[in-house]
Amino acid sequence: MSNYGLISTILKQKGGDVWSIAEEATVYQALKLMAEKNVGALLVTRESKPVGILSERDYARKVALKGKASKNVPVGEIISGKMITITARHTVEECMRLMSRQRVRHLPVLEEDKVVGVVSIGDLVTWIINTQSETINQLENYITGGDYQM
């Protein structure tokens, strides 16, 4: 099997940076870290082990709309239940289906119980768009007699 369309390919392109926060930290601290790192979600940990994902959407729906103060609410109080994970051997297509079915936008990538990355719906869409553009360019070159390399 080729590496075409595997999550490992996306991780190589985007890097394996994983931003996380402890579940006892405040939502305010999490929002501040998200802003610093320019990300929309953080991995939430308990004793350095992943237990969930905190997203800007979680903040909006579970803190702001309920009139709670982000400086008083611990992250662990608002993360969703079971964390859905994948491996680097999953395909983009499998992940898109999983995200749609489970209604999530971020998937931690685990290898032997260690987090090696996180992919977002944006990462997958970007990969699909880039792949389609490459295919279109190759087909145009083939049709017009230009340099053809598959």
N, C-alpha and C. Protein backbone atom coordinates (compact mmCIF):
# COMPACT_ATOMS: atom_id res chain seq x y z
N MET A 1 0.85 -1.19 0.00
CA MET A 1 0.00 0.00 0.00
C MET A 1 0.89 1.24 0.00
N SER A 2 0.54 2.22 -0.81
CA SER A 2 1.34 3.44 -0.84
C SER A 2 0.94 4.34 0.32
N ASN A 3 1.71 5.40 0.51
CA ASN A 3 1.42 6.35 1.58
C ASN A 3 0.43 7.43 1.13
N TYR A 4 -0.05 7.32 -0.10
CA TYR A 4 -0.96 8.31 -0.65
C TYR A 4 -2.24 8.35 0.18
N GLY A 5 -2.54 9.52 0.72
CA GLY A 5 -3.78 9.69 1.46
C GLY A 5 -3.74 9.22 2.90
N LEU A 6 -2.56 8.87 3.39
CA LEU A 6 -2.45 8.45 4.78
C LEU A 6 -2.23 9.66 5.69
N ILE A 7 -2.71 9.56 6.90
CA ILE A 7 -2.54 10.62 7.88
C ILE A 7 -1.06 10.87 8.15
N SER A 8 -0.23 9.84 8.06
CA SER A 8 1.21 10.02 8.26
C SER A 8 1.77 11.04 7.27
N THR A 9 1.25 11.07 6.04
CA THR A 9 1.68 12.03 5.03
C THR A 9 1.32 13.45 5.45
N ILE A 10 0.12 13.63 5.96
CA ILE A 10 -0.31 14.95 6.42
C ILE A 10 0.55 15.41 7.60
N LEU A 11 0.82 14.51 8.53
CA LEU A 11 1.65 14.88 9.69
C LEU A 11 3.05 15.29 9.27
N LYS A 12 3.61 14.62 8.26
CA LYS A 12 4.94 15.00 7.77
C LYS A 12 4.91 16.41 7.19
N GLN A 13 3.83 16.74 6.50
CA GLN A 13 3.72 18.07 5.87
C GLN A 13 3.49 19.16 6.91
N LYS A 14 2.62 18.92 7.87
CA LYS A 14 2.26 19.98 8.82
C LYS A 14 3.11 19.97 10.07
N GLY A 15 3.81 18.89 10.32
CA GLY A 15 4.60 18.78 11.54
C GLY A 15 3.78 18.13 12.64
N GLY A 16 4.45 17.69 13.65
CA GLY A 16 3.78 16.95 14.72
C GLY A 16 3.55 17.75 15.98
N ASP A 17 3.57 19.08 15.88
CA ASP A 17 3.33 19.89 17.07
C ASP A 17 1.96 19.57 17.67
N VAL A 18 1.95 19.31 18.96
CA VAL A 18 0.70 19.05 19.67
C VAL A 18 0.66 19.98 20.87
N TRP A 19 -0.32 20.86 20.88
CA TRP A 19 -0.47 21.79 21.99
C TRP A 19 -1.49 21.20 22.95
N SER A 20 -1.11 21.14 24.22
CA SER A 20 -1.99 20.51 25.21
C SER A 20 -2.07 21.36 26.47
N ILE A 21 -3.06 21.01 27.28
CA ILE A 21 -3.26 21.70 28.55
C ILE A 21 -3.81 20.68 29.55
N ALA A 22 -3.45 20.84 30.81
CA ALA A 22 -3.92 19.93 31.86
C ALA A 22 -5.39 20.19 32.14
N GLU A 23 -6.12 19.14 32.48
CA GLU A 23 -7.56 19.27 32.70
C GLU A 23 -7.90 20.18 33.87
N GLU A 24 -6.97 20.39 34.80
CA GLU A 24 -7.25 21.26 35.94
C GLU A 24 -6.99 22.74 35.65
N ALA A 25 -6.37 23.03 34.50
CA ALA A 25 -6.14 24.43 34.10
C ALA A 25 -7.49 25.09 33.84
N THR A 26 -7.50 26.41 33.89
CA THR A 26 -8.76 27.12 33.64
C THR A 26 -9.00 27.26 32.13
N VAL A 27 -10.25 27.44 31.78
CA VAL A 27 -10.62 27.67 30.39
C VAL A 27 -9.93 28.93 29.89
N TYR A 28 -9.80 29.94 30.75
CA TYR A 28 -9.11 31.17 30.36
C TYR A 28 -7.67 30.87 29.94
N GLN A 29 -6.96 30.05 30.72
CA GLN A 29 -5.58 29.68 30.38
C GLN A 29 -5.54 28.95 29.04
N ALA A 30 -6.54 28.11 28.80
CA ALA A 30 -6.61 27.37 27.54
C ALA A 30 -6.83 28.32 26.37
N LEU A 31 -7.74 29.27 26.53
CA LEU A 31 -8.02 30.23 25.46
C LEU A 31 -6.78 31.07 25.15
N LYS A 32 -6.07 31.44 26.19
CA LYS A 32 -4.84 32.23 26.02
C LYS A 32 -3.80 31.43 25.22
N LEU A 33 -3.64 30.14 25.54
CA LEU A 33 -2.70 29.29 24.82
C LEU A 33 -3.14 29.10 23.37
N MET A 34 -4.44 28.90 23.15
CA MET A 34 -4.93 28.77 21.78
C MET A 34 -4.61 30.01 20.96
N ALA A 35 -4.80 31.19 21.56
CA ALA A 35 -4.51 32.44 20.87
C ALA A 35 -3.01 32.56 20.57
N GLU A 36 -2.16 32.22 21.54
CA GLU A 36 -0.70 32.28 21.35
C GLU A 36 -0.24 31.38 20.22
N LYS A 37 -0.80 30.18 20.16
CA LYS A 37 -0.36 29.17 19.19
C LYS A 37 -1.17 29.23 17.89
N ASN A 38 -2.20 30.09 17.87
CA ASN A 38 -3.06 30.24 16.70
C ASN A 38 -3.70 28.91 16.29
N VAL A 39 -4.29 28.23 17.27
CA VAL A 39 -4.99 26.97 17.04
C VAL A 39 -6.41 27.07 17.58
N GLY A 40 -7.29 26.21 17.08
CA GLY A 40 -8.68 26.23 17.50
C GLY A 40 -9.04 25.18 18.52
N ALA A 41 -8.06 24.37 18.91
CA ALA A 41 -8.33 23.31 19.88
C ALA A 41 -7.03 22.88 20.55
N LEU A 42 -7.18 22.33 21.74
CA LEU A 42 -6.04 21.81 22.50
C LEU A 42 -6.33 20.39 22.97
N LEU A 43 -5.30 19.59 23.04
CA LEU A 43 -5.41 18.28 23.65
C LEU A 43 -5.44 18.50 25.16
N VAL A 44 -6.35 17.82 25.84
CA VAL A 44 -6.47 17.95 27.29
C VAL A 44 -5.85 16.70 27.92
N THR A 45 -5.01 16.91 28.94
CA THR A 45 -4.30 15.79 29.55
C THR A 45 -4.59 15.66 31.04
N ARG A 46 -4.44 14.44 31.50
CA ARG A 46 -4.49 14.13 32.93
C ARG A 46 -3.24 13.31 33.20
N GLU A 47 -2.36 13.83 34.05
CA GLU A 47 -1.09 13.17 34.35
C GLU A 47 -0.35 12.82 33.05
N SER A 48 -0.30 13.78 32.14
CA SER A 48 0.39 13.68 30.84
C SER A 48 -0.24 12.70 29.86
N LYS A 49 -1.40 12.14 30.18
CA LYS A 49 -2.10 11.23 29.27
C LYS A 49 -3.29 11.96 28.66
N PRO A 50 -3.54 11.77 27.35
CA PRO A 50 -4.66 12.47 26.72
C PRO A 50 -6.01 11.97 27.22
N VAL A 51 -6.91 12.93 27.52
CA VAL A 51 -8.25 12.55 27.98
C VAL A 51 -9.36 13.22 27.17
N GLY A 52 -8.99 14.17 26.32
CA GLY A 52 -10.02 14.84 25.53
C GLY A 52 -9.45 15.97 24.71
N ILE A 53 -10.37 16.67 24.05
CA ILE A 53 -10.04 17.82 23.22
C ILE A 53 -10.90 18.99 23.70
N LEU A 54 -10.30 20.15 23.81
CA LEU A 54 -11.03 21.37 24.12
C LEU A 54 -10.98 22.26 22.89
N SER A 55 -12.13 22.67 22.40
CA SER A 55 -12.18 23.53 21.22
C SER A 55 -12.81 24.87 21.56
N GLU A 56 -12.62 25.82 20.65
CA GLU A 56 -13.26 27.12 20.82
C GLU A 56 -14.77 26.96 20.89
N ARG A 57 -15.29 25.99 20.16
CA ARG A 57 -16.73 25.71 20.17
C ARG A 57 -17.18 25.28 21.56
N ASP A 58 -16.37 24.45 22.25
CA ASP A 58 -16.70 24.04 23.62
C ASP A 58 -16.82 25.27 24.52
N TYR A 59 -15.87 26.18 24.37
CA TYR A 59 -15.90 27.41 25.17
C TYR A 59 -17.19 28.19 24.89
N ALA A 60 -17.48 28.41 23.62
CA ALA A 60 -18.64 29.22 23.25
C ALA A 60 -19.93 28.62 23.80
N ARG A 61 -20.08 27.32 23.69
CA ARG A 61 -21.34 26.68 24.07
C ARG A 61 -21.45 26.34 25.55
N LYS A 62 -20.33 26.04 26.18
CA LYS A 62 -20.40 25.54 27.56
C LYS A 62 -19.94 26.53 28.61
N VAL A 63 -19.37 27.65 28.17
CA VAL A 63 -18.93 28.68 29.12
C VAL A 63 -19.62 30.00 28.80
N ALA A 64 -19.30 30.57 27.66
CA ALA A 64 -19.80 31.91 27.30
C ALA A 64 -21.32 31.97 27.28
N LEU A 65 -21.97 31.04 26.59
CA LEU A 65 -23.43 31.07 26.48
C LEU A 65 -24.14 30.78 27.80
N LYS A 66 -23.43 30.14 28.71
CA LYS A 66 -24.04 29.82 30.01
C LYS A 66 -23.71 30.87 31.06
N GLY A 67 -23.02 31.93 30.64
CA GLY A 67 -22.71 33.03 31.56
C GLY A 67 -21.68 32.70 32.61
N LYS A 68 -20.87 31.67 32.36
CA LYS A 68 -19.82 31.31 33.31
C LYS A 68 -18.57 32.15 33.04
N ALA A 69 -17.71 32.25 34.03
CA ALA A 69 -16.45 32.99 33.89
C ALA A 69 -15.33 32.02 33.54
N SER A 70 -14.66 32.27 32.42
CA SER A 70 -13.61 31.35 31.96
C SER A 70 -12.45 31.24 32.94
N LYS A 71 -12.27 32.24 33.79
CA LYS A 71 -11.18 32.19 34.77
C LYS A 71 -11.52 31.27 35.94
N ASN A 72 -12.79 30.87 36.06
CA ASN A 72 -13.22 30.02 37.18
C ASN A 72 -13.55 28.59 36.78
N VAL A 73 -13.63 28.31 35.49
CA VAL A 73 -14.06 26.99 35.03
C VAL A 73 -12.84 26.17 34.62
N PRO A 74 -12.67 24.99 35.24
CA PRO A 74 -11.56 24.12 34.81
C PRO A 74 -11.87 23.47 33.46
N VAL A 75 -10.84 23.28 32.66
CA VAL A 75 -10.98 22.67 31.34
C VAL A 75 -11.69 21.32 31.43
N GLY A 76 -11.33 20.52 32.41
CA GLY A 76 -11.91 19.19 32.55
C GLY A 76 -13.41 19.19 32.72
N GLU A 77 -13.97 20.31 33.16
CA GLU A 77 -15.41 20.40 33.38
C GLU A 77 -16.21 20.51 32.08
N ILE A 78 -15.56 20.97 31.02
CA ILE A 78 -16.32 21.21 29.79
C ILE A 78 -15.92 20.34 28.60
N ILE A 79 -14.93 19.48 28.75
CA ILE A 79 -14.57 18.62 27.60
C ILE A 79 -15.64 17.54 27.44
N SER A 80 -15.78 17.10 26.21
CA SER A 80 -16.77 16.08 25.90
C SER A 80 -16.34 14.72 26.45
N GLY A 81 -17.24 13.77 26.35
CA GLY A 81 -16.99 12.42 26.87
C GLY A 81 -15.82 11.72 26.23
N LYS A 82 -16.09 10.62 25.57
CA LYS A 82 -15.05 9.77 25.01
C LYS A 82 -14.27 10.48 23.89
N MET A 83 -12.95 10.38 23.98
CA MET A 83 -12.08 10.97 22.97
C MET A 83 -11.92 9.99 21.81
N ILE A 84 -12.11 10.47 20.60
CA ILE A 84 -11.98 9.66 19.40
C ILE A 84 -10.58 9.86 18.85
N THR A 85 -9.86 8.78 18.63
CA THR A 85 -8.48 8.86 18.14
C THR A 85 -8.32 8.04 16.86
N ILE A 86 -7.21 8.31 16.18
CA ILE A 86 -6.85 7.57 14.97
C ILE A 86 -5.38 7.21 15.05
N THR A 87 -4.92 6.49 14.04
CA THR A 87 -3.48 6.21 13.91
C THR A 87 -2.99 6.88 12.64
N ALA A 88 -1.70 6.93 12.46
CA ALA A 88 -1.10 7.52 11.26
C ALA A 88 -1.39 6.68 10.03
N ARG A 89 -1.87 5.45 10.21
CA ARG A 89 -2.19 4.57 9.08
C ARG A 89 -3.62 4.75 8.57
N HIS A 90 -4.42 5.55 9.25
CA HIS A 90 -5.76 5.86 8.74
C HIS A 90 -5.63 6.70 7.48
N THR A 91 -6.64 6.59 6.61
CA THR A 91 -6.64 7.41 5.39
C THR A 91 -7.43 8.70 5.63
N VAL A 92 -7.19 9.65 4.75
CA VAL A 92 -7.93 10.91 4.80
C VAL A 92 -9.43 10.62 4.69
N GLU A 93 -9.79 9.75 3.78
CA GLU A 93 -11.20 9.40 3.57
C GLU A 93 -11.82 8.80 4.84
N GLU A 94 -11.11 7.88 5.48
CA GLU A 94 -11.62 7.28 6.72
C GLU A 94 -11.84 8.35 7.79
N CYS A 95 -10.91 9.27 7.88
CA CYS A 95 -11.00 10.33 8.89
C CYS A 95 -12.14 11.29 8.60
N MET A 96 -12.35 11.61 7.33
CA MET A 96 -13.47 12.48 6.97
C MET A 96 -14.80 11.82 7.35
N ARG A 97 -14.92 10.53 7.07
CA ARG A 97 -16.15 9.80 7.45
C ARG A 97 -16.33 9.81 8.96
N LEU A 98 -15.26 9.53 9.68
CA LEU A 98 -15.31 9.48 11.14
C LEU A 98 -15.70 10.84 11.72
N MET A 99 -15.08 11.90 11.21
CA MET A 99 -15.41 13.24 11.69
C MET A 99 -16.87 13.59 11.42
N SER A 100 -17.36 13.23 10.25
CA SER A 100 -18.76 13.49 9.92
C SER A 100 -19.70 12.71 10.82
N ARG A 101 -19.43 11.44 10.96
CA ARG A 101 -20.30 10.56 11.75
C ARG A 101 -20.30 10.96 13.23
N GLN A 102 -19.14 11.28 13.77
CA GLN A 102 -19.01 11.59 15.20
C GLN A 102 -19.19 13.09 15.50
N ARG A 103 -19.28 13.90 14.45
CA ARG A 103 -19.46 15.35 14.59
C ARG A 103 -18.33 15.99 15.40
N VAL A 104 -17.09 15.66 15.00
CA VAL A 104 -15.90 16.24 15.63
C VAL A 104 -15.06 16.91 14.55
N ARG A 105 -14.21 17.83 14.96
CA ARG A 105 -13.38 18.57 14.02
C ARG A 105 -11.89 18.32 14.22
N HIS A 106 -11.53 17.59 15.27
CA HIS A 106 -10.11 17.32 15.57
C HIS A 106 -9.96 15.87 16.00
N LEU A 107 -8.90 15.23 15.51
CA LEU A 107 -8.62 13.84 15.86
C LEU A 107 -7.17 13.71 16.32
N PRO A 108 -6.95 13.33 17.57
CA PRO A 108 -5.58 13.02 18.01
C PRO A 108 -5.08 11.76 17.29
N VAL A 109 -3.82 11.79 16.91
CA VAL A 109 -3.20 10.66 16.23
C VAL A 109 -2.31 9.96 17.24
N LEU A 110 -2.61 8.69 17.52
CA LEU A 110 -1.86 7.92 18.52
C LEU A 110 -1.06 6.82 17.84
N GLU A 111 0.12 6.60 18.35
CA GLU A 111 0.95 5.44 17.99
C GLU A 111 1.46 4.85 19.29
N GLU A 112 1.06 3.62 19.56
CA GLU A 112 1.44 2.94 20.80
C GLU A 112 1.13 3.80 22.03
N ASP A 113 -0.09 4.31 22.11
CA ASP A 113 -0.59 5.13 23.22
C ASP A 113 0.14 6.46 23.41
N LYS A 114 0.93 6.87 22.42
CA LYS A 114 1.61 8.16 22.47
C LYS A 114 1.02 9.06 21.39
N VAL A 115 0.70 10.29 21.76
CA VAL A 115 0.16 11.25 20.78
C VAL A 115 1.30 11.73 19.89
N VAL A 116 1.13 11.53 18.58
CA VAL A 116 2.16 11.95 17.62
C VAL A 116 1.68 13.13 16.77
N GLY A 117 0.44 13.55 16.97
CA GLY A 117 -0.08 14.68 16.22
C GLY A 117 -1.58 14.82 16.43
N VAL A 118 -2.12 15.87 15.87
CA VAL A 118 -3.56 16.10 15.85
C VAL A 118 -3.90 16.60 14.46
N VAL A 119 -4.93 16.02 13.84
CA VAL A 119 -5.38 16.53 12.54
C VAL A 119 -6.75 17.15 12.70
N SER A 120 -6.94 18.23 11.96
CA SER A 120 -8.22 18.93 11.99
C SER A 120 -8.93 18.74 10.66
N ILE A 121 -10.20 19.08 10.64
CA ILE A 121 -10.95 19.03 9.39
C ILE A 121 -10.28 19.93 8.35
N GLY A 122 -9.72 21.05 8.81
CA GLY A 122 -9.02 21.96 7.90
C GLY A 122 -7.80 21.32 7.26
N ASP A 123 -7.06 20.52 8.05
CA ASP A 123 -5.90 19.81 7.50
C ASP A 123 -6.33 18.86 6.38
N LEU A 124 -7.43 18.15 6.60
CA LEU A 124 -7.91 17.17 5.62
C LEU A 124 -8.41 17.86 4.36
N VAL A 125 -9.16 18.95 4.52
CA VAL A 125 -9.66 19.69 3.37
C VAL A 125 -8.50 20.27 2.56
N THR A 126 -7.51 20.82 3.24
CA THR A 126 -6.33 21.36 2.55
C THR A 126 -5.63 20.27 1.75
N TRP A 127 -5.47 19.09 2.33
CA TRP A 127 -4.83 17.98 1.63
C TRP A 127 -5.62 17.60 0.38
N ILE A 128 -6.94 17.52 0.51
CA ILE A 128 -7.78 17.16 -0.64
C ILE A 128 -7.66 18.20 -1.74
N ILE A 129 -7.73 19.47 -1.40
CA ILE A 129 -7.63 20.54 -2.40
C ILE A 129 -6.28 20.49 -3.11
N ASN A 130 -5.20 20.34 -2.34
CA ASN A 130 -3.85 20.27 -2.94
C ASN A 130 -3.71 19.06 -3.86
N THR A 131 -4.25 17.94 -3.43
CA THR A 131 -4.18 16.72 -4.23
C THR A 131 -4.95 16.88 -5.53
N GLN A 132 -6.13 17.46 -5.44
CA GLN A 132 -6.93 17.69 -6.65
C GLN A 132 -6.23 18.65 -7.60
N SER A 133 -5.61 19.69 -7.07
CA SER A 133 -4.88 20.65 -7.91
C SER A 133 -3.73 19.97 -8.64
N GLU A 134 -2.99 19.12 -7.94
CA GLU A 134 -1.88 18.39 -8.56
C GLU A 134 -2.39 17.49 -9.68
N THR A 135 -3.48 16.80 -9.44
CA THR A 135 -4.05 15.91 -10.45
C THR A 135 -4.51 16.69 -11.67
N ILE A 136 -5.16 17.81 -11.45
CA ILE A 136 -5.62 18.66 -12.56
C ILE A 136 -4.42 19.14 -13.38
N ASN A 137 -3.36 19.59 -12.72
CA ASN A 137 -2.17 20.05 -13.44
C ASN A 137 -1.55 18.92 -14.26
N GLN A 138 -1.48 17.73 -13.69
CA GLN A 138 -0.91 16.59 -14.42
C GLN A 138 -1.76 16.24 -15.63
N LEU A 139 -3.07 16.27 -15.48
CA LEU A 139 -3.95 15.96 -16.60
C LEU A 139 -3.87 17.02 -17.69
N GLU A 140 -3.79 18.29 -17.29
CA GLU A 140 -3.64 19.37 -18.27
C GLU A 140 -2.35 19.21 -19.05
N ASN A 141 -1.26 18.90 -18.36
CA ASN A 141 0.02 18.69 -19.03
C ASN A 141 -0.05 17.50 -19.98
N TYR A 142 -0.71 16.45 -19.59
CA TYR A 142 -0.84 15.26 -20.41
C TYR A 142 -1.64 15.57 -21.68
N ILE A 143 -2.76 16.30 -21.50
CA ILE A 143 -3.63 16.61 -22.63
C ILE A 143 -2.95 17.56 -23.61
N THR A 144 -2.22 18.54 -23.09
CA THR A 144 -1.58 19.52 -23.96
C THR A 144 -0.21 19.08 -24.45
N GLY A 145 0.24 17.91 -24.03
CA GLY A 145 1.52 17.40 -24.49
C GLY A 145 2.70 17.96 -23.73
N GLY A 146 2.45 18.58 -22.59
CA GLY A 146 3.52 19.13 -21.76
C GLY A 146 4.25 18.03 -21.02
N ASP A 147 5.08 18.42 -20.10
CA ASP A 147 5.82 17.43 -19.29
C ASP A 147 4.82 16.65 -18.46
N TYR A 148 4.80 15.35 -18.65
CA TYR A 148 3.86 14.48 -17.95
C TYR A 148 4.64 13.60 -17.00
N GLN A 149 4.32 13.71 -15.71
CA GLN A 149 4.96 12.86 -14.70
C GLN A 149 3.92 12.49 -13.67
N MET A 150 3.63 11.24 -13.53
CA MET A 150 2.68 10.78 -12.51
C MET A 150 3.43 10.19 -11.36
